[in-house]
């Protein structure tokens, strides 16, 4: 589940996306407790991950129907905003291209799943947090 949290943009973004508190997520990640059916259903729905894989670790990680879907078109305006914000953030830091690409991917994915919530200030804040 740690890898899923990383792909979802980190623990805070993951917890928010699936509707639980960060402290509850930490209990799952540490093995203190196991996610209940409601949490598994939320992860499955919001992150397109097979509930069977979440429970057993077996089979395909993605839902079978998602593997047959056409790719979602990119939101060019959102992608442009994210790239501009990463470029602005990286002017003095000079991160490696791979690091910039990773941040762009994470930030874009987060805001693409939250339509209409991206503005320059929020994107820059998330870029800084993702770095």
Protein backbone atom coordinates (compact mmCIF):
# COMPACT_ATOMS: atom_id res chain seq x y z
CA UNK A 1 0.00 0.00 0.00
CA UNK A 2 3.00 2.30 0.50
CA UNK A 3 3.63 2.21 -3.26
CA UNK A 4 0.00 3.12 -3.95
CA UNK A 5 0.31 6.08 -1.58
CA UNK A 6 3.46 7.22 -3.40
CA UNK A 7 1.76 6.95 -6.78
CA UNK A 8 -1.24 8.84 -5.46
CA UNK A 9 1.01 11.81 -4.65
CA UNK A 10 2.09 10.96 -1.13
CA UNK A 11 0.37 9.99 2.09
CA UNK A 12 -1.58 13.23 2.56
CA UNK A 13 -2.95 13.23 -1.00
CA UNK A 14 -3.71 9.50 -0.80
CA UNK A 15 -5.62 9.83 2.48
CA UNK A 16 -7.58 12.80 1.16
CA UNK A 17 -8.37 11.07 -2.12
CA UNK A 18 -9.81 7.97 -0.39
CA UNK A 19 -11.57 9.93 2.38
CA UNK A 20 -9.65 8.92 5.50
CA UNK A 21 -7.41 10.75 7.96
CA UNK A 22 -3.65 10.60 7.63
CA UNK A 23 -3.39 8.97 11.06
CA UNK A 24 -5.69 6.16 9.91
CA UNK A 25 -3.61 5.72 6.77
CA UNK A 26 -0.42 5.51 8.88
CA UNK A 27 -2.02 2.72 10.94
CA UNK A 28 -2.64 0.79 7.70
CA UNK A 29 0.85 1.45 6.36
CA UNK A 30 2.51 0.38 9.62
CA UNK A 31 0.48 -2.82 9.77
CA UNK A 32 -1.19 -1.80 13.02
CA UNK A 33 -4.63 -2.25 11.44
CA UNK A 34 -5.96 -3.48 8.13
CA UNK A 35 -8.21 -1.43 5.85
CA UNK A 36 -11.87 -2.37 6.11
CA UNK A 37 -14.13 -3.08 3.14
CA UNK A 38 -15.19 0.57 2.87
CA UNK A 39 -11.58 1.76 2.57
CA UNK A 40 -10.73 -0.97 0.07
CA UNK A 41 -13.76 0.03 -2.01
CA UNK A 42 -12.70 3.69 -1.88
CA UNK A 43 -9.13 2.90 -2.95
CA UNK A 44 -10.47 0.71 -5.73
CA UNK A 45 -12.88 3.37 -6.96
CA UNK A 46 -10.64 6.43 -6.71
CA UNK A 47 -7.37 4.90 -7.85
CA UNK A 48 -8.68 2.26 -10.26
CA UNK A 49 -7.07 -0.62 -8.37
CA UNK A 50 -8.57 -4.10 -8.24
CA UNK A 51 -10.06 -4.92 -4.83
CA UNK A 52 -8.85 -8.51 -5.30
CA UNK A 53 -5.29 -7.27 -5.70
CA UNK A 54 -5.65 -5.01 -2.63
CA UNK A 55 -6.83 -7.89 -0.45
CA UNK A 56 -4.73 -10.77 -1.78
CA UNK A 57 -1.90 -9.21 -3.78
CA UNK A 58 -2.82 -11.57 -6.61
CA UNK A 59 -4.02 -10.88 -10.13
CA UNK A 60 -3.87 -7.63 -12.06
CA UNK A 61 -3.44 -4.45 -10.03
CA UNK A 62 -5.88 -2.57 -12.28
CA UNK A 63 -9.53 -3.37 -12.83
CA UNK A 64 -10.00 -5.55 -15.90
CA UNK A 65 -12.34 -3.01 -17.48
CA UNK A 66 -9.80 -0.18 -17.04
CA UNK A 67 -7.28 -2.08 -19.11
CA UNK A 68 -9.72 -1.98 -22.02
CA UNK A 69 -10.59 1.73 -21.78
CA UNK A 70 -9.27 4.29 -24.19
CA UNK A 71 -6.67 6.58 -22.65
CA UNK A 72 -8.01 9.72 -21.03
CA UNK A 73 -7.17 12.79 -23.09
CA UNK A 74 -4.74 15.21 -21.50
CA UNK A 75 -5.96 18.56 -20.23
CA UNK A 76 -3.53 20.76 -22.16
CA UNK A 77 -4.23 23.88 -20.08
CA UNK A 78 -3.64 22.01 -16.82
CA UNK A 79 -0.48 20.36 -18.14
CA UNK A 80 0.84 23.75 -19.31
CA UNK A 81 0.15 25.28 -15.88
CA UNK A 82 1.90 22.40 -14.09
CA UNK A 83 4.94 22.56 -16.37
CA UNK A 84 5.17 26.35 -15.94
CA UNK A 85 5.02 26.00 -12.16
CA UNK A 86 7.67 23.27 -12.12
CA UNK A 87 9.89 25.41 -14.33
CA UNK A 88 9.40 28.39 -12.01
CA UNK A 89 10.21 26.25 -8.95
CA UNK A 90 13.28 24.74 -10.60
CA UNK A 91 14.98 27.97 -11.76
CA UNK A 92 17.36 28.11 -8.80
CA UNK A 93 17.34 24.46 -7.83
CA UNK A 94 18.29 22.91 -11.18
CA UNK A 95 16.83 19.46 -10.47
CA UNK A 96 17.48 16.54 -12.79
CA UNK A 97 15.07 16.11 -15.68
CA UNK A 98 13.80 12.87 -14.16
CA UNK A 99 12.90 14.68 -10.92
CA UNK A 100 11.05 17.40 -12.83
CA UNK A 101 9.16 14.77 -14.84
CA UNK A 102 8.22 12.92 -11.64
CA UNK A 103 6.87 16.11 -10.05
CA UNK A 104 4.97 17.07 -13.20
CA UNK A 105 3.36 13.63 -13.33
CA UNK A 106 2.32 13.63 -9.68
CA UNK A 107 0.98 17.17 -9.65
CA UNK A 108 -0.84 16.76 -12.96
CA UNK A 109 -2.44 13.48 -11.79
CA UNK A 110 -3.60 15.08 -8.56
CA UNK A 111 -5.26 18.06 -10.21
CA UNK A 112 -6.60 16.01 -13.13
CA UNK A 113 -8.55 13.99 -10.57
CA UNK A 114 -9.87 17.23 -9.01
CA UNK A 115 -11.28 19.14 -12.03
CA UNK A 116 -11.54 22.89 -11.64
CA UNK A 117 -9.44 23.08 -8.47
CA UNK A 118 -6.12 24.03 -10.05
CA UNK A 119 -4.88 27.59 -9.88
CA UNK A 120 -1.30 28.85 -10.01
CA UNK A 121 -1.00 29.20 -6.22
CA UNK A 122 -2.30 25.72 -5.46
CA UNK A 123 -0.19 24.14 -8.19
CA UNK A 124 2.97 25.89 -6.99
CA UNK A 125 2.25 24.83 -3.41
CA UNK A 126 1.85 21.20 -4.45
CA UNK A 127 5.00 21.38 -6.62
CA UNK A 128 6.97 22.56 -3.58
CA UNK A 129 5.43 19.86 -1.40
CA UNK A 130 6.09 17.14 -3.98
CA UNK A 131 9.73 18.16 -4.28
